Protein backbone atom coordinates (compact mmCIF):
# COMPACT_ATOMS: atom_id res chain seq x y z
CA MET A 1 99.42 138.13 127.93
CA ARG A 2 102.39 137.56 125.63
CA THR A 3 102.13 135.45 122.50
CA ILE A 4 105.06 133.04 122.16
CA LYS A 5 105.98 132.23 118.58
CA ILE A 6 106.26 128.56 117.67
CA PHE A 7 109.12 127.78 115.32
CA ASP A 8 108.56 124.22 114.14
CA THR A 9 111.64 122.36 112.95
CA THR A 10 110.10 118.91 112.45
CA LEU A 11 110.95 119.10 108.74
CA ARG A 12 114.58 120.00 109.44
CA ASP A 13 115.88 118.92 112.85
CA GLY A 14 113.14 116.33 113.24
CA GLU A 15 114.15 114.75 109.95
CA GLN A 16 117.67 114.33 111.33
CA SER A 17 116.37 111.51 113.53
CA PRO A 18 117.82 108.26 112.18
CA GLY A 19 115.31 106.72 109.79
CA ALA A 20 113.03 109.76 109.71
CA SER A 21 113.89 111.07 106.25
CA MET A 22 110.97 112.46 104.26
CA ASN A 23 110.52 113.00 100.56
CA VAL A 24 109.20 116.21 99.03
CA ALA A 25 105.58 115.06 98.91
CA GLU A 26 105.67 113.98 102.55
CA LYS A 27 107.24 117.25 103.64
CA LEU A 28 104.58 119.23 101.80
CA GLN A 29 101.81 117.15 103.36
CA LEU A 30 103.24 117.70 106.82
CA ALA A 31 103.84 121.41 106.19
CA LYS A 32 100.17 121.86 105.30
CA GLN A 33 99.19 120.16 108.53
CA LEU A 34 101.58 122.38 110.49
CA ALA A 35 99.85 125.37 108.91
CA ARG A 36 96.48 124.02 110.09
CA LEU A 37 98.05 123.54 113.51
CA GLY A 38 98.86 127.23 113.63
CA VAL A 39 102.66 127.24 113.90
CA ASP A 40 104.21 130.63 113.19
CA ILE A 41 107.42 129.57 111.42
CA ILE A 42 108.20 126.32 109.60
CA GLU A 43 111.86 125.45 109.17
CA ALA A 44 111.32 123.49 105.98
CA GLY A 45 114.86 122.20 105.57
CA PHE A 46 118.53 122.89 105.00
CA ALA A 47 118.65 124.13 101.40
CA ILE A 48 122.27 123.31 100.65
CA ALA A 49 122.14 119.87 102.30
CA SER A 50 120.63 118.06 99.32
CA PRO A 51 118.61 118.59 96.13
CA GLY A 52 115.66 117.02 97.95
CA ASP A 53 115.84 119.52 100.78
CA PHE A 54 116.14 122.39 98.32
CA GLU A 55 113.12 121.19 96.35
CA ALA A 56 111.07 120.68 99.53
CA ILE A 57 111.74 124.23 100.75
CA LYS A 58 110.98 125.66 97.32
CA THR A 59 107.74 123.67 96.96
CA ILE A 60 106.52 124.47 100.47
CA GLY A 61 107.37 128.14 100.04
CA SER A 62 105.43 128.44 96.80
CA GLU A 63 102.37 126.40 97.87
CA LEU A 64 101.92 127.13 101.57
CA GLU A 65 99.86 129.96 102.99
CA GLY A 66 100.10 131.31 106.52
CA PRO A 67 103.36 130.47 108.30
CA VAL A 68 106.75 131.95 107.59
CA VAL A 69 108.87 129.44 105.65
CA CYS A 70 112.48 129.20 106.77
CA SER A 71 115.67 127.59 105.51
CA LEU A 72 118.68 126.81 107.65
CA ALA A 73 122.08 127.98 106.41
CA ARG A 74 125.56 127.78 107.84
CA ALA A 75 127.47 131.06 108.12
CA LYS A 76 128.82 130.52 104.62
CA GLU A 77 128.16 132.52 101.48
CA ALA A 78 127.15 129.48 99.42
CA ASP A 79 124.65 128.39 102.07
CA ILE A 80 123.03 131.83 102.28
CA LYS A 81 122.67 132.08 98.51
CA ARG A 82 121.23 128.57 98.24
CA ALA A 83 118.72 129.35 100.97
CA TRP A 84 117.61 132.44 99.08
CA GLU A 85 117.16 130.48 95.86
CA ALA A 86 114.91 128.01 97.68
CA LEU A 87 112.89 130.71 99.46
CA LYS A 88 112.48 133.44 96.88
CA ASP A 89 108.97 132.35 95.82
CA ALA A 90 107.67 132.22 99.38
CA PRO A 91 105.48 135.17 100.42
CA LYS A 92 106.81 134.94 104.00
CA ARG A 93 110.43 133.85 104.24
CA ARG A 94 113.27 133.65 106.74
CA ILE A 95 116.94 132.71 106.52
CA HIS A 96 118.25 131.09 109.67
CA THR A 97 122.03 131.16 109.79
CA PHE A 98 124.31 129.84 112.51
CA HIS A 99 127.90 129.57 113.67
CA SER A 100 129.41 127.86 116.71
CA THR A 101 130.57 130.07 119.57
CA SER A 102 131.78 127.65 122.26
CA ASP A 103 135.51 127.28 122.69
CA ILE A 104 135.09 123.51 122.38
CA HIS A 105 133.65 123.85 118.88
CA LEU A 106 135.94 126.67 117.79
CA LYS A 107 139.06 124.79 118.87
CA TYR A 108 138.31 121.24 117.82
CA GLN A 109 135.80 121.56 114.98
CA PHE A 110 136.41 124.91 113.27
CA ARG A 111 139.99 125.55 114.42
CA ILE A 112 139.49 129.30 114.49
CA ASP A 113 139.52 131.89 117.27
CA ARG A 114 136.67 133.90 118.71
CA ASP A 115 137.36 136.99 116.61
CA GLU A 116 137.11 135.01 113.37
CA ALA A 117 133.86 133.37 114.45
CA LEU A 118 132.39 136.76 115.31
CA LYS A 119 133.50 138.20 111.98
CA ARG A 120 131.94 135.36 109.97
CA SER A 121 128.70 135.55 111.92
CA VAL A 122 128.27 139.29 111.32
CA GLN A 123 129.18 139.07 107.64
CA MET A 124 126.70 136.27 106.92
CA VAL A 125 123.86 138.00 108.74
CA GLN A 126 124.58 141.10 106.66
CA LEU A 127 124.58 138.99 103.47
CA ALA A 128 121.30 137.31 104.40
CA ARG A 129 119.72 140.72 104.99
CA THR A 130 120.43 141.65 101.37
CA TYR A 131 118.03 138.86 100.36
CA VAL A 132 115.37 138.85 103.08
CA ASP A 133 114.21 141.17 105.84
CA ASP A 134 113.67 138.32 108.29
CA VAL A 135 117.00 136.89 109.46
CA GLU A 136 117.61 134.67 112.47
CA PHE A 137 121.02 133.90 113.95
CA SER A 138 122.03 131.05 116.26
CA PRO A 139 125.30 130.89 118.23
CA MET A 140 125.63 127.09 118.16
CA ASP A 141 126.49 125.40 121.47
CA ALA A 142 125.48 128.56 123.30
CA THR A 143 125.06 126.84 126.66
CA ARG A 144 128.77 125.92 126.69
CA THR A 145 129.88 129.36 125.49
CA ASP A 146 131.55 131.98 127.66
CA MET A 147 128.75 134.35 128.70
CA GLY A 148 130.66 137.55 127.94
CA TYR A 149 131.57 136.37 124.45
CA LEU A 150 128.04 135.09 123.81
CA CYS A 151 126.57 138.52 124.62
CA GLU A 152 129.16 140.18 122.38
CA VAL A 153 128.19 137.98 119.43
CA ILE A 154 124.46 138.49 119.99
CA GLU A 155 124.81 142.26 120.13
CA ALA A 156 126.91 142.27 116.95
CA VAL A 157 124.51 140.15 114.87
CA ILE A 158 121.54 142.26 115.98
CA ASP A 159 123.42 145.35 114.81
CA ALA A 160 124.05 143.48 111.54
CA GLY A 161 120.30 142.98 111.00
CA ALA A 162 119.20 139.80 112.81
CA LEU A 163 115.61 140.17 114.01
CA THR A 164 115.68 136.91 115.98
CA VAL A 165 118.55 135.56 118.06
CA ASN A 166 118.27 131.92 119.00
CA ILE A 167 120.00 130.53 122.09
CA PRO A 168 120.44 126.83 121.38
CA ASP A 169 121.20 124.16 123.95
CA THR A 170 122.76 122.20 121.13
CA VAL A 171 123.89 119.19 123.14
CA GLY A 172 121.14 119.20 125.76
CA TYR A 173 123.59 120.18 128.49
CA SER A 174 121.74 122.80 130.48
CA ILE A 175 119.25 122.49 133.34
CA PRO A 176 116.17 124.73 133.74
CA SER A 177 117.42 127.11 136.44
CA GLU A 178 120.72 127.57 134.64
CA PHE A 179 119.13 128.04 131.23
CA GLY A 180 116.59 130.53 132.55
CA ALA A 181 119.41 132.51 134.15
CA MET A 182 121.24 132.53 130.80
CA ILE A 183 118.23 134.03 129.02
CA LYS A 184 117.88 136.64 131.74
CA ALA A 185 121.58 137.49 131.40
CA VAL A 186 121.17 137.98 127.65
CA ARG A 187 118.28 140.37 128.30
CA ASP A 188 120.23 142.27 130.93
CA ARG A 189 123.64 142.45 129.23
CA VAL A 190 122.90 142.82 125.50
CA ASN A 191 122.28 146.53 124.94
CA ASN A 192 120.20 146.20 121.77
CA ILE A 193 118.23 143.07 122.72
CA ASP A 194 115.00 145.07 122.48
CA LYS A 195 115.46 145.05 118.68
CA ALA A 196 115.25 141.24 118.41
CA VAL A 197 113.16 138.32 119.58
CA ILE A 198 114.94 135.86 121.85
CA SER A 199 114.39 132.31 120.67
CA VAL A 200 115.43 128.99 122.26
CA HIS A 201 116.23 125.65 120.69
CA CYS A 202 116.65 122.92 123.32
CA HIS A 203 117.73 119.33 122.86
CA ASN A 204 116.56 116.53 125.08
CA ASP A 205 119.76 114.66 125.95
CA LEU A 206 119.03 114.98 129.67
CA GLY A 207 115.26 114.89 129.24
CA LEU A 208 114.97 118.61 129.98
CA ALA A 209 114.22 120.18 126.60
CA THR A 210 110.65 121.19 127.41
CA SER A 211 111.54 122.32 130.94
CA ASN A 212 114.42 124.43 129.67
CA SER A 213 112.22 126.04 127.01
CA LEU A 214 109.54 126.92 129.54
CA SER A 215 112.16 128.33 131.91
CA ALA A 216 113.33 130.51 129.03
CA VAL A 217 109.80 131.84 128.53
CA LEU A 218 109.64 132.80 132.21
CA ASN A 219 112.81 134.79 131.65
CA GLY A 220 111.78 136.63 128.51
CA ALA A 221 112.12 134.31 125.50
CA GLY A 222 109.53 135.07 122.81
CA GLN A 223 110.01 132.09 120.48
CA ILE A 224 110.37 128.36 121.07
CA GLU A 225 111.91 126.04 118.49
CA CYS A 226 110.42 122.58 118.72
CA THR A 227 109.19 119.50 116.87
CA ILE A 228 106.06 117.37 116.75
CA ASN A 229 106.44 114.38 119.09
CA GLY A 230 109.80 115.81 120.16
CA ILE A 231 111.66 114.01 117.36
CA GLY A 232 115.10 115.17 116.30
CA GLU A 233 118.84 114.70 116.53
CA ARG A 234 119.94 112.14 119.16
CA ALA A 235 117.40 112.21 122.03
CA GLY A 236 115.26 114.71 120.15
CA ASN A 237 114.06 118.27 120.61
CA CYS A 238 111.66 120.19 122.75
CA SER A 239 108.20 118.75 122.11
CA MET A 240 105.82 121.21 120.46
CA GLU A 241 102.69 119.69 121.97
CA GLU A 242 104.19 119.78 125.46
CA VAL A 243 105.16 123.45 125.45
CA ALA A 244 101.92 124.49 123.74
CA MET A 245 99.76 122.69 126.28
CA ALA A 246 101.92 123.75 129.23
CA LEU A 247 101.55 127.40 128.26
CA ARG A 248 97.82 126.99 127.59
CA THR A 249 97.15 125.05 130.79
CA ARG A 250 99.30 127.23 133.05
CA ARG A 251 98.62 130.70 131.71
CA ASP A 252 98.45 131.78 135.31
CA MET A 253 102.12 130.92 135.68
CA PHE A 254 103.53 132.05 132.33
CA ASN A 255 101.17 134.90 131.41
CA ALA A 256 101.76 133.69 127.85
CA ASP A 257 100.15 131.54 125.16
CA THR A 258 100.73 130.47 121.56
CA ASN A 259 98.76 130.61 118.32
CA ILE A 260 98.59 126.80 118.23
CA ILE A 261 95.18 125.35 117.39
CA THR A 262 95.49 122.61 119.96
CA GLU A 263 92.62 120.54 118.53
CA GLU A 264 95.00 119.72 115.64
CA ILE A 265 97.70 118.28 117.91
CA MET A 266 96.70 114.60 117.73
CA ARG A 267 96.21 114.72 113.98
CA SER A 268 99.67 116.27 113.59
CA SER A 269 101.26 113.71 115.89
CA LYS A 270 99.73 110.78 114.05
CA LEU A 271 100.79 112.19 110.69
CA VAL A 272 104.41 112.49 111.85
CA THR A 273 104.29 108.92 113.12
CA LYS A 274 102.82 107.72 109.84
CA ILE A 275 105.36 109.53 107.67
CA THR A 276 108.49 108.82 109.73
CA GLY A 277 107.53 105.43 111.11
CA MET A 278 108.65 106.63 114.54
CA SER A 279 106.03 105.52 117.06
CA VAL A 280 105.22 107.57 120.13
CA GLN A 281 105.86 105.90 123.48
CA PRO A 282 102.57 105.11 125.26
CA ASN A 283 103.40 107.28 128.28
CA LYS A 284 104.44 110.29 126.18
CA ALA A 285 102.85 113.49 127.49
CA ILE A 286 99.87 114.86 125.54
CA VAL A 287 100.02 112.49 122.53
CA GLY A 288 100.91 109.11 124.04
CA ALA A 289 98.30 106.34 123.98
CA ASN A 290 98.10 106.45 127.77
CA ALA A 291 98.10 110.25 128.16
CA PHE A 292 94.36 110.29 128.80
CA ALA A 293 93.96 106.68 129.86
CA HIS A 294 93.02 105.81 133.42
CA GLU A 295 93.22 102.32 134.89
CA SER A 296 93.30 102.90 138.64
CA GLY A 297 89.90 102.32 140.18
CA ILE A 298 90.28 105.38 142.41
CA HIS A 299 91.09 107.59 139.41
CA GLN A 300 88.26 106.16 137.34
CA ASP A 301 85.76 106.68 140.14
CA GLY A 302 86.85 110.31 140.54
CA LEU A 303 86.69 111.00 136.79
CA LEU A 304 83.20 109.55 136.53
CA LYS A 305 82.10 111.99 139.22
CA ASP A 306 83.98 115.03 137.89
CA LYS A 307 86.63 115.18 135.16
CA SER A 308 88.66 117.79 137.02
CA THR A 309 89.56 115.28 139.73
CA TYR A 310 92.29 113.65 137.64
CA GLU A 311 92.50 115.49 134.31
CA ILE A 312 94.16 118.86 133.88
CA ILE A 313 93.62 118.88 130.11
CA ARG A 314 90.40 118.04 128.29
CA PRO A 315 91.11 115.29 125.73
CA GLU A 316 88.94 117.18 123.24
CA SER A 317 91.30 120.15 123.44
CA VAL A 318 94.09 118.17 121.76
CA GLY A 319 91.87 116.46 119.21
CA LEU A 320 90.72 113.36 121.11
CA HIS A 321 87.04 112.57 121.39
CA LYS A 322 86.97 111.45 124.99
CA THR A 323 88.89 110.06 127.92
CA LYS A 324 89.92 106.45 127.50
CA PHE A 325 89.28 104.17 130.44
CA VAL A 326 91.70 101.27 130.31
CA LEU A 327 90.07 98.44 132.16
CA GLY A 328 92.61 96.24 133.87
CA LYS A 329 93.26 94.43 137.11
CA HIS A 330 93.27 97.72 139.06
CA SER A 331 89.87 98.84 137.79
CA GLY A 332 86.85 98.98 140.08
CA ARG A 333 83.21 97.96 139.70
CA HIS A 334 82.11 101.54 139.01
CA ALA A 335 84.22 101.86 135.87
CA PHE A 336 83.38 98.29 134.83
CA ARG A 337 79.64 98.85 135.15
CA THR A 338 79.82 102.24 133.41
CA ARG A 339 81.64 100.80 130.41
CA LEU A 340 79.19 97.92 130.09
CA VAL A 341 76.29 100.38 130.13
CA GLU A 342 78.04 102.44 127.42
CA LEU A 343 78.32 99.24 125.39
CA GLY A 344 74.59 98.64 125.76
CA HIS A 345 74.51 96.01 128.51
CA SER A 346 72.12 96.37 131.43
CA LEU A 347 72.99 94.09 134.34
CA ASN A 348 71.66 93.92 137.89
CA ASP A 349 73.93 93.97 140.93
CA GLU A 350 74.26 90.20 141.15
CA GLU A 351 75.02 89.93 137.45
CA ILE A 352 77.58 92.73 137.71
CA ASN A 353 79.30 90.97 140.61
CA ASN A 354 79.47 87.68 138.71
CA ALA A 355 80.67 89.35 135.53
CA PHE A 356 83.17 91.46 137.49
CA GLU A 357 84.67 88.32 139.05
CA ARG A 358 85.18 86.84 135.60
CA PHE A 359 86.60 90.17 134.41
CA LYS A 360 89.19 90.18 137.21
CA LYS A 361 90.33 86.68 136.27
CA LEU A 362 90.76 87.79 132.67
CA ALA A 363 92.57 90.97 133.75
CA ASP A 364 95.16 88.87 135.56
CA GLN A 365 95.88 87.12 132.26
CA LYS A 366 96.19 90.11 129.95
CA LYS A 367 97.43 93.67 130.44
CA GLU A 368 94.59 95.61 128.85
CA ILE A 369 90.94 94.79 128.41
CA TYR A 370 89.36 96.15 125.23
CA ASP A 371 85.69 96.73 124.46
CA GLU A 372 85.71 93.61 122.29
CA ASP A 373 86.96 91.63 125.28
CA LEU A 374 84.11 92.97 127.41
CA GLU A 375 81.58 92.03 124.75
CA ALA A 376 82.99 88.52 124.70
CA LEU A 377 83.09 88.41 128.48
CA VAL A 378 79.41 89.30 128.80
CA SER A 379 78.00 87.43 125.81
CA VAL A 380 80.22 84.39 126.14
CA GLU A 381 81.13 84.06 129.78
CA TYR A 382 78.13 85.51 131.51
CA ALA A 383 75.14 84.90 129.25
CA MET A 384 75.17 81.17 129.97
CA VAL A 385 72.58 78.40 130.05
CA PRO A 386 72.22 76.35 133.25
CA GLU A 387 75.45 74.46 133.72
CA ILE A 388 75.11 70.70 133.77
CA TYR A 389 78.76 70.53 132.83
CA SER A 390 81.35 72.97 134.14
CA LEU A 391 85.11 73.06 133.70
CA ILE A 392 87.13 72.66 136.89
CA ASP A 393 90.65 72.08 135.62
CA MET A 394 92.60 70.94 132.61
CA SER A 395 96.13 70.32 131.44
CA PHE A 396 97.68 69.19 128.21
CA SER A 397 101.03 68.45 126.64
CA SER A 398 102.05 68.39 123.00
CA GLY A 399 105.11 68.61 120.79
CA MET A 400 106.50 67.76 117.37
CA ASN A 401 107.63 64.31 118.47
CA GLN A 402 105.15 63.81 121.29
CA GLN A 403 101.66 62.35 121.30
CA PRO A 404 99.24 65.09 122.43
CA VAL A 405 97.69 64.20 125.79
CA ALA A 406 94.98 66.07 127.73
CA THR A 407 93.69 65.61 131.26
CA LEU A 408 90.37 67.22 132.03
CA LYS A 409 88.28 67.54 135.19
CA LEU A 410 84.60 68.42 134.84
CA SER A 411 81.72 68.83 137.24
CA VAL A 412 78.73 66.82 135.95
CA ASN A 413 75.61 67.70 137.92
CA GLY A 414 77.85 68.46 140.88
CA GLU A 415 79.98 65.32 140.58
CA GLU A 416 83.66 65.75 139.71
CA ILE A 417 84.94 63.44 136.97
CA GLU A 418 88.46 63.38 135.52
CA LYS A 419 89.63 61.77 132.27
CA THR A 420 92.86 61.62 130.27
CA GLU A 421 92.79 61.16 126.50
CA GLN A 422 95.16 61.25 123.54
CA GLY A 423 94.43 62.97 120.23
CA ASP A 424 95.81 64.20 116.94
CA GLY A 425 96.44 67.55 118.65
CA PRO A 426 95.77 69.18 122.00
CA VAL A 427 92.28 70.36 120.98
CA ASP A 428 91.36 66.92 119.69
CA ALA A 429 92.60 65.36 122.94
CA ILE A 430 90.59 67.89 125.00
CA PHE A 431 87.43 67.25 122.99
CA LYS A 432 87.82 63.48 123.34
CA ALA A 433 88.18 63.83 127.12
CA ILE A 434 85.05 65.99 127.27
CA THR A 435 83.12 63.50 125.14
CA SER A 436 84.29 60.62 127.32
CA ILE A 437 83.16 62.34 130.52
CA THR A 438 79.80 63.60 129.20
CA GLU A 439 79.10 60.52 127.06
CA SER A 440 77.81 62.87 124.41
CA GLN A 441 76.60 61.46 121.06
CA SER A 442 76.84 64.85 119.36
CA LYS A 443 78.72 65.57 116.15
CA LEU A 444 81.12 68.52 115.78
CA LEU A 445 80.00 70.53 112.75
CA LYS A 446 82.25 73.59 113.02
CA TYR A 447 85.28 74.70 114.98
CA GLU A 448 86.39 78.30 114.56
CA VAL A 449 89.10 80.33 116.33
CA LYS A 450 89.68 84.08 116.11
CA ALA A 451 91.58 86.73 118.03
CA ILE A 452 89.25 89.34 119.48
CA THR A 453 91.97 91.99 119.76
CA GLY A 454 95.59 92.44 118.68
CA GLY A 455 98.73 91.50 120.53
CA THR A 456 100.19 88.23 121.77
CA ASP A 457 98.01 88.43 124.89
CA ALA A 458 94.85 88.85 122.83
CA LEU A 459 91.67 87.19 124.01
CA GLY A 460 90.94 84.27 121.70
CA GLU A 461 87.33 83.40 120.90
CA VAL A 462 86.31 79.89 119.85
CA VAL A 463 83.00 78.84 118.31
CA CYS A 464 81.95 75.19 118.30
CA SER A 465 78.82 74.03 116.48
CA LEU A 466 77.38 70.68 117.62
CA GLU A 467 74.56 68.55 116.28
CA GLU A 468 72.67 65.72 117.94
CA GLY A 469 69.61 64.30 116.29
CA ASP A 470 67.59 67.20 114.93
CA LYS A 471 69.10 69.69 117.42
CA SER A 472 72.05 71.94 116.61
CA VAL A 473 73.72 74.58 118.79
CA SER A 474 76.73 76.87 118.83
CA GLY A 475 78.90 77.19 121.88
CA HIS A 476 81.27 80.07 122.59
CA GLY A 477 84.38 80.28 124.72
CA ALA A 478 86.92 83.02 125.29
CA ASP A 479 90.32 82.93 126.96
CA THR A 480 93.86 84.15 126.41
CA ASP A 481 94.72 80.46 125.91
CA VAL A 482 92.93 79.18 122.81
CA ILE A 483 93.05 75.58 124.05
CA VAL A 484 91.20 76.61 127.21
CA ALA A 485 88.82 78.70 125.09
CA SER A 486 88.19 75.61 122.94
CA ALA A 487 87.24 73.54 125.98
CA LYS A 488 84.93 76.30 127.23
CA ALA A 489 83.24 76.58 123.83
CA TYR A 490 82.69 72.82 123.57
CA ILE A 491 81.28 72.63 127.11
CA ASN A 492 79.06 75.67 126.50
CA ALA A 493 77.65 73.96 123.41
CA LEU A 494 77.00 70.74 125.33
CA ASN A 495 75.11 72.68 128.03
CA LYS A 496 72.98 74.37 125.38
CA LEU A 497 72.35 71.03 123.71
CA ALA A 498 71.34 69.44 127.00
CA ALA A 499 68.96 72.33 127.71
CA ARG A 500 67.34 72.02 124.26
CA ILE A 501 66.98 68.24 124.46
CA LYS A 502 65.19 68.60 127.80
């Protein structure tokens, strides 16, 4: 079983994401977490790019234990020297230098020929080796470089002292079969390739960065350059958590693994999100909010019977405590009952069926049902007193220059009664209509509204306290529409009051 080195460039390429800049303290904090995660090499920055980058590399190099600390440097003398100045206090250090090799870059960006590019590359690797033993070289835009010339450059920089040669898909142009074939060609055609580690650095412009990196491993690559959450230039980089878990999960396929302590993945992901402000999409593999969430009733039923039915990765293995069941309109009774039991509610079959019917109505109104919603659903909607009054239908209209009007239809001891009333607001109009229908003499003591969960589709909970004579009660109502919830709370209180008066 081969061990694939993880070269994390979150602090360098990841920081090149628009809006993802980090200060020295933030970089140090993240570097320490990357060390806990078990990455082999941390590319801490681009020393010559700015004083902040220089200081970050220097600070990380002097304070961090474990990983190799690396600085990027163009194939320029000033860059190499600046990288050395930043790295010299680090116990484990690497200079990563690069030069473009594609004819597109050489012609339009550098305006030099192939011979000059080769010469500069060799000279700067040789210079870097005078400062550090560990030198990496990247032929930028390798996937659009002539294969013969690419092999010539790689062989020359290895002779010059590079211990790692990185094959970057700089613009995310390659596809997995093509990229894998390129790595194989490098192994077959570069005579001294046995003296260096083949690395890959894939961008995600076509959504293939992780696939390309894994294809490279199948063809002999020994190092993957990647970032936490896949952040980076343009569409981002190969995602560290994806390649680490792919190799760990499919060791049978790759015969390879990494030194990553996978239980630290979620903590690392959340820290990157916190520092950069770049949220992870919910359906992102491994670290997305939905990565271990199951809504389908069929899936939930299978998971409750055996986790292996629908999960190929244990949530605990990436730092999550357990699988998250998202209860929604597709969920079945099994998952619904199981979650209620976990929340401490014991209901019989009839009660489950009644509660499940109410749950389905709520699920049609909002996308995701949280535990707080279920608590409200059971305690508010199900745990009811005998209903003398029940809500059948209601409508209301209101506006800045419009008198609020509400029409309400109630069942009173089985008889349907409808009333229309005006009020100071829609809730006042609704309450007046309810009072008119029920002929209640009660006094409203308290009216309270709160959102049970976040989001614009949050379930709103209303509490109404009523008093009549020496009797006082509190009614509860919950709905995604707070006006409807208000009516339910008021009616629930009236039913409780009627039960107590009897």
